Amino acid sequence: MSQVLLLEFAGSAELAHAARELRSRPGVELDAYTPYSTEEVREALALPPSRLPRLVFAAACLGAGGAYFIEWLTTAYLYPLNVGGRPQHMLLPFIPISFEMGVLLAALTAFVGVLVLGKLVVLWDPVFEVPGFESASVDRFWLRVSGPALDSVRADLDALNPLRQVVVEAQR
């Protein structure tokens, strides 16, 4: 069991200042719980760009390419029909289904990707049991500090002026 430190702040500016101060330390992982999204907090956390657009594009290409291949395989290669002297493989009839399969696979990947990459499938976290943590959805800003260098951070927390500090035992 590892420990997680929660810091409560009254506003987004204080949380962003604390995140900037703690971000420079090696071995510290940060996460924020806020009632609304702010650009200042996002910049302070310095989150890496999302991998989701690349995953969605790859899924769209895979879906469209797979659909086109199956259509070609069944109509032009396995069961060719010579009707009226038309070519066995013609591009135009294959485009609508290929496009729709690309859109379908991209949409499914985006849906599952948001759930998984956004960590929305985590139904319970020990942090949720902290008394007063429900204020994160109303009017308070919380900073989650974890990682192997947590002990070195605790000495300098008074300079950040949090409203309170809570240590939580996490199961990660």
C-alpha atoms as a PDB file:
ATOM      1  CA  MET A   1       0.000   0.000   0.000  1.00  0.00           C
ATOM      2  CA  SER A   2       1.323   3.392  -0.932  1.00  0.00           C
ATOM      3  CA  GLN A   3       0.435   6.775   0.405  1.00  0.00           C
ATOM      4  CA  VAL A   4      -1.247   9.646  -1.372  1.00  0.00           C
ATOM      5  CA  LEU A   5      -1.224  13.207  -0.125  1.00  0.00           C
ATOM      6  CA  LEU A   6      -4.265  15.416  -0.774  1.00  0.00           C
ATOM      7  CA  LEU A   7      -3.985  19.185  -0.542  1.00  0.00           C
ATOM      8  CA  GLU A   8      -7.113  21.345  -0.427  1.00  0.00           C
ATOM      9  CA  PHE A   9      -7.055  24.880  -1.842  1.00  0.00           C
ATOM     10  CA  ALA A  10      -9.649  27.649  -1.926  1.00  0.00           C
ATOM     11  CA  GLY A  11      -9.048  28.694  -5.547  1.00  0.00           C
ATOM     12  CA  SER A  12      -7.578  27.612  -8.842  1.00  0.00           C
ATOM     13  CA  ALA A  13      -4.700  30.114  -8.650  1.00  0.00           C
ATOM     14  CA  GLU A  14      -3.432  28.577  -5.404  1.00  0.00           C
ATOM     15  CA  LEU A  15      -3.733  25.070  -6.833  1.00  0.00           C
ATOM     16  CA  ALA A  16      -1.895  26.067 -10.010  1.00  0.00           C
ATOM     17  CA  HIS A  17       0.895  27.685  -7.962  1.00  0.00           C
ATOM     18  CA  ALA A  18       1.283  24.529  -5.859  1.00  0.00           C
ATOM     19  CA  ALA A  19       1.284  22.316  -8.966  1.00  0.00           C
ATOM     20  CA  ARG A  20       4.017  24.440 -10.572  1.00  0.00           C
ATOM     21  CA  GLU A  21       6.127  24.235  -7.424  1.00  0.00           C
ATOM     22  CA  LEU A  22       5.736  20.472  -7.026  1.00  0.00           C
ATOM     23  CA  ARG A  23       5.972  19.594 -10.720  1.00  0.00           C
ATOM     24  CA  SER A  24       9.689  20.374 -10.851  1.00  0.00           C
ATOM     25  CA  ARG A  25      10.507  17.676  -8.290  1.00  0.00           C
ATOM     26  CA  PRO A  26      11.528  14.279  -9.649  1.00  0.00           C
ATOM     27  CA  GLY A  27       9.427  11.293  -8.654  1.00  0.00           C
ATOM     28  CA  VAL A  28       6.259  13.280  -7.909  1.00  0.00           C
ATOM     29  CA  GLU A  29       3.000  12.530  -9.690  1.00  0.00           C
ATOM     30  CA  LEU A  30       0.259  15.165  -9.653  1.00  0.00           C
ATOM     31  CA  ASP A  31      -3.455  15.114 -10.351  1.00  0.00           C
ATOM     32  CA  ALA A  32      -6.116  17.746  -9.736  1.00  0.00           C
ATOM     33  CA  TYR A  33      -9.763  17.540  -8.712  1.00  0.00           C
ATOM     34  CA  THR A  34     -11.604  20.759  -9.493  1.00  0.00           C
ATOM     35  CA  PRO A  35     -15.267  21.825  -9.707  1.00  0.00           C
ATOM     36  CA  TYR A  36     -14.673  23.199 -13.209  1.00  0.00           C
ATOM     37  CA  SER A  37     -11.890  23.053 -15.773  1.00  0.00           C
ATOM     38  CA  THR A  38      -9.392  25.898 -15.852  1.00  0.00           C
ATOM     39  CA  GLU A  39      -6.630  26.541 -18.346  1.00  0.00           C
ATOM     40  CA  GLU A  40      -4.342  27.710 -15.557  1.00  0.00           C
ATOM     41  CA  VAL A  41      -4.504  24.356 -13.758  1.00  0.00           C
ATOM     42  CA  ARG A  42      -4.058  22.388 -16.979  1.00  0.00           C
ATOM     43  CA  GLU A  43      -0.935  24.366 -17.841  1.00  0.00           C
ATOM     44  CA  ALA A  44       0.422  23.988 -14.302  1.00  0.00           C
ATOM     45  CA  LEU A  45       0.018  20.215 -14.373  1.00  0.00           C
ATOM     46  CA  ALA A  46       1.833  20.062 -17.744  1.00  0.00           C
ATOM     47  CA  LEU A  47      -0.157  17.071 -18.896  1.00  0.00           C
ATOM     48  CA  PRO A  48       1.158  15.271 -21.981  1.00  0.00           C
ATOM     49  CA  PRO A  49      -0.947  15.498 -25.138  1.00  0.00           C
ATOM     50  CA  SER A  50      -3.658  12.881 -25.456  1.00  0.00           C
ATOM     51  CA  ARG A  51      -3.065   9.725 -27.504  1.00  0.00           C
ATOM     52  CA  LEU A  52      -6.763   9.514 -28.296  1.00  0.00           C
ATOM     53  CA  PRO A  53      -6.741  11.343 -31.680  1.00  0.00           C
ATOM     54  CA  ARG A  54      -4.097   8.982 -33.044  1.00  0.00           C
ATOM     55  CA  LEU A  55      -5.992   5.935 -31.763  1.00  0.00           C
ATOM     56  CA  VAL A  56      -9.234   7.159 -33.335  1.00  0.00           C
ATOM     57  CA  PHE A  57      -7.522   7.848 -36.668  1.00  0.00           C
ATOM     58  CA  ALA A  58      -5.866   4.416 -36.663  1.00  0.00           C
ATOM     59  CA  ALA A  59      -9.205   2.765 -35.855  1.00  0.00           C
ATOM     60  CA  ALA A  60     -10.932   4.686 -38.667  1.00  0.00           C
ATOM     61  CA  CYS A  61      -8.277   3.607 -41.167  1.00  0.00           C
ATOM     62  CA  LEU A  62      -8.440   0.023 -39.924  1.00  0.00           C
ATOM     63  CA  GLY A  63     -12.242  -0.039 -40.152  1.00  0.00           C
ATOM     64  CA  ALA A  64     -12.367   1.467 -43.642  1.00  0.00           C
ATOM     65  CA  GLY A  65      -9.512  -0.688 -44.916  1.00  0.00           C
ATOM     66  CA  GLY A  66     -10.969  -3.836 -43.373  1.00  0.00           C
ATOM     67  CA  ALA A  67     -14.401  -3.195 -44.854  1.00  0.00           C
ATOM     68  CA  TYR A  68     -12.920  -2.483 -48.289  1.00  0.00           C
ATOM     69  CA  PHE A  69     -10.832  -5.668 -48.108  1.00  0.00           C
ATOM     70  CA  ILE A  70     -13.827  -7.830 -47.148  1.00  0.00           C
ATOM     71  CA  GLU A  71     -15.923  -6.344 -49.953  1.00  0.00           C
ATOM     72  CA  TRP A  72     -13.172  -6.905 -52.488  1.00  0.00           C
ATOM     73  CA  LEU A  73     -12.504 -10.430 -51.205  1.00  0.00           C
ATOM     74  CA  THR A  74     -16.110 -11.544 -51.463  1.00  0.00           C
ATOM     75  CA  THR A  75     -17.170  -9.835 -54.712  1.00  0.00           C
ATOM     76  CA  ALA A  76     -14.040  -9.709 -56.839  1.00  0.00           C
ATOM     77  CA  TYR A  77     -11.923 -12.646 -55.682  1.00  0.00           C
ATOM     78  CA  LEU A  78     -13.930 -15.464 -54.065  1.00  0.00           C
ATOM     79  CA  TYR A  79     -17.258 -15.110 -55.910  1.00  0.00           C
ATOM     80  CA  PRO A  80     -16.666 -13.160 -59.117  1.00  0.00           C
ATOM     81  CA  LEU A  81     -19.678 -12.626 -61.387  1.00  0.00           C
ATOM     82  CA  ASN A  82     -19.373 -11.609 -65.016  1.00  0.00           C
ATOM     83  CA  VAL A  83     -22.497  -9.527 -65.520  1.00  0.00           C
ATOM     84  CA  GLY A  84     -22.783  -7.430 -68.648  1.00  0.00           C
ATOM     85  CA  GLY A  85     -19.017  -7.286 -69.215  1.00  0.00           C
ATOM     86  CA  ARG A  86     -18.406  -5.057 -66.162  1.00  0.00           C
ATOM     87  CA  PRO A  87     -15.062  -5.248 -64.378  1.00  0.00           C
ATOM     88  CA  GLN A  88     -14.782  -7.574 -61.373  1.00  0.00           C
ATOM     89  CA  HIS A  89     -13.449  -4.841 -59.124  1.00  0.00           C
ATOM     90  CA  MET A  90     -14.931  -1.367 -59.285  1.00  0.00           C
ATOM     91  CA  LEU A  91     -14.160   1.245 -56.651  1.00  0.00           C
ATOM     92  CA  LEU A  92     -17.405   3.250 -56.450  1.00  0.00           C
ATOM     93  CA  PRO A  93     -19.770   0.666 -54.902  1.00  0.00           C
ATOM     94  CA  PHE A  94     -17.271  -0.061 -52.103  1.00  0.00           C
ATOM     95  CA  ILE A  95     -16.871   3.527 -50.877  1.00  0.00           C
ATOM     96  CA  PRO A  96     -20.080   4.011 -48.793  1.00  0.00           C
ATOM     97  CA  ILE A  97     -19.685   0.884 -46.695  1.00  0.00           C
ATOM     98  CA  SER A  98     -15.952   1.480 -46.236  1.00  0.00           C
ATOM     99  CA  PHE A  99     -16.648   5.015 -45.051  1.00  0.00           C
ATOM    100  CA  GLU A 100     -19.404   3.909 -42.669  1.00  0.00           C
ATOM    101  CA  MET A 101     -17.242   1.177 -41.138  1.00  0.00           C
ATOM    102  CA  GLY A 102     -14.427   3.685 -40.650  1.00  0.00           C
ATOM    103  CA  VAL A 103     -16.798   6.069 -38.871  1.00  0.00           C
ATOM    104  CA  LEU A 104     -18.263   3.264 -36.749  1.00  0.00           C
ATOM    105  CA  LEU A 105     -14.892   1.945 -35.584  1.00  0.00           C
ATOM    106  CA  ALA A 106     -13.627   5.482 -34.933  1.00  0.00           C
ATOM    107  CA  ALA A 107     -16.693   6.293 -32.818  1.00  0.00           C
ATOM    108  CA  LEU A 108     -16.385   3.088 -30.800  1.00  0.00           C
ATOM    109  CA  THR A 109     -12.678   3.717 -30.233  1.00  0.00           C
ATOM    110  CA  ALA A 110     -13.371   7.294 -29.121  1.00  0.00           C
ATOM    111  CA  PHE A 111     -16.035   6.116 -26.674  1.00  0.00           C
ATOM    112  CA  VAL A 112     -13.902   3.371 -25.123  1.00  0.00           C
ATOM    113  CA  GLY A 113     -10.783   5.548 -25.278  1.00  0.00           C
ATOM    114  CA  VAL A 114     -12.408   8.357 -23.295  1.00  0.00           C
ATOM    115  CA  LEU A 115     -13.473   5.864 -20.641  1.00  0.00           C
ATOM    116  CA  VAL A 116     -10.093   4.138 -20.381  1.00  0.00           C
ATOM    117  CA  LEU A 117      -7.652   7.013 -20.942  1.00  0.00           C
ATOM    118  CA  GLY A 118      -9.738   9.360 -18.799  1.00  0.00           C
ATOM    119  CA  LYS A 119      -9.717   6.740 -16.018  1.00  0.00           C
ATOM    120  CA  LEU A 120     -13.501   6.879 -15.853  1.00  0.00           C
ATOM    121  CA  VAL A 121     -13.796   3.115 -15.364  1.00  0.00           C
ATOM    122  CA  VAL A 122     -12.355   3.438 -11.853  1.00  0.00           C
ATOM    123  CA  LEU A 123     -15.503   3.170  -9.770  1.00  0.00           C
ATOM    124  CA  TRP A 124     -13.876   3.666  -6.365  1.00  0.00           C
ATOM    125  CA  ASP A 125     -10.706   5.296  -5.092  1.00  0.00           C
ATOM    126  CA  PRO A 126      -9.654   5.670  -1.430  1.00  0.00           C
ATOM    127  CA  VAL A 127      -9.428   9.415  -2.058  1.00  0.00           C
ATOM    128  CA  PHE A 128     -13.225   9.536  -2.389  1.00  0.00           C
ATOM    129  CA  GLU A 129     -13.565   8.498   1.281  1.00  0.00           C
ATOM    130  CA  VAL A 130     -11.790  11.607   2.629  1.00  0.00           C
ATOM    131  CA  PRO A 131     -14.234  13.706   4.678  1.00  0.00           C
ATOM    132  CA  GLY A 132     -15.018  16.910   2.806  1.00  0.00           C
ATOM    133  CA  PHE A 133     -13.696  15.658  -0.543  1.00  0.00           C
ATOM    134  CA  GLU A 134     -17.166  16.071  -2.052  1.00  0.00           C
ATOM    135  CA  SER A 135     -16.388  19.809  -2.088  1.00  0.00           C
ATOM    136  CA  ALA A 136     -14.259  19.092  -5.177  1.00  0.00           C
ATOM    137  CA  SER A 137     -17.482  19.139  -7.185  1.00  0.00           C
ATOM    138  CA  VAL A 138     -18.778  22.335  -5.558  1.00  0.00           C
ATOM    139  CA  ASP A 139     -16.240  24.980  -4.527  1.00  0.00           C
ATOM    140  CA  ARG A 140     -12.843  23.529  -3.507  1.00  0.00           C
ATOM    141  CA  PHE A 141      -9.744  22.596  -5.461  1.00  0.00           C
ATOM    142  CA  TRP A 142      -7.765  19.472  -4.518  1.00  0.00           C
ATOM    143  CA  LEU A 143      -4.277  18.439  -5.574  1.00  0.00           C
ATOM    144  CA  ARG A 144      -3.303  14.769  -5.405  1.00  0.00           C
ATOM    145  CA  VAL A 145       0.410  14.212  -4.808  1.00  0.00           C
ATOM    146  CA  SER A 146       1.811  10.695  -5.073  1.00  0.00           C
ATOM    147  CA  GLY A 147       4.971   8.923  -6.083  1.00  0.00           C
ATOM    148  CA  PRO A 148       8.184   7.684  -4.504  1.00  0.00           C
ATOM    149  CA  ALA A 149       9.400  11.187  -3.553  1.00  0.00           C
ATOM    150  CA  LEU A 150       6.352  11.964  -1.395  1.00  0.00           C
ATOM    151  CA  ASP A 151       8.337  12.162   1.855  1.00  0.00           C
ATOM    152  CA  SER A 152      10.625  14.894   0.506  1.00  0.00           C
ATOM    153  CA  VAL A 153       7.586  16.977  -0.510  1.00  0.00           C
ATOM    154  CA  ARG A 154       5.945  17.030   2.922  1.00  0.00           C
ATOM    155  CA  ALA A 155       8.618  19.288   4.436  1.00  0.00           C
ATOM    156  CA  ASP A 156       7.893  22.106   1.996  1.00  0.00           C
ATOM    157  CA  LEU A 157       4.086  22.035   2.046  1.00  0.00           C
ATOM    158  CA  ASP A 158       3.642  24.923   4.487  1.00  0.00           C
ATOM    159  CA  ALA A 159       4.996  27.337   1.870  1.00  0.00           C
ATOM    160  CA  LEU A 160       2.150  26.347  -0.467  1.00  0.00           C
ATOM    161  CA  ASN A 161      -0.534  27.402   2.070  1.00  0.00           C
ATOM    162  CA  PRO A 162      -3.084  24.611   1.597  1.00  0.00           C
ATOM    163  CA  LEU A 163      -6.305  24.811   3.583  1.00  0.00           C
ATOM    164  CA  ARG A 164      -5.604  21.299   4.788  1.00  0.00           C
ATOM    165  CA  GLN A 165      -3.489  18.234   4.098  1.00  0.00           C
ATOM    166  CA  VAL A 166      -4.784  14.669   4.195  1.00  0.00           C
ATOM    167  CA  VAL A 167      -2.729  11.470   3.910  1.00  0.00           C
ATOM    168  CA  VAL A 168      -4.588   8.549   2.329  1.00  0.00           C
ATOM    169  CA  GLU A 169      -3.511   4.917   2.048  1.00  0.00           C
ATOM    170  CA  ALA A 170      -3.892   3.949  -1.627  1.00  0.00           C
ATOM    171  CA  GLN A 171      -3.982   0.467  -3.138  1.00  0.00           C
ATOM    172  CA  ARG A 172      -1.740   0.994  -6.142  1.00  0.00           C
END
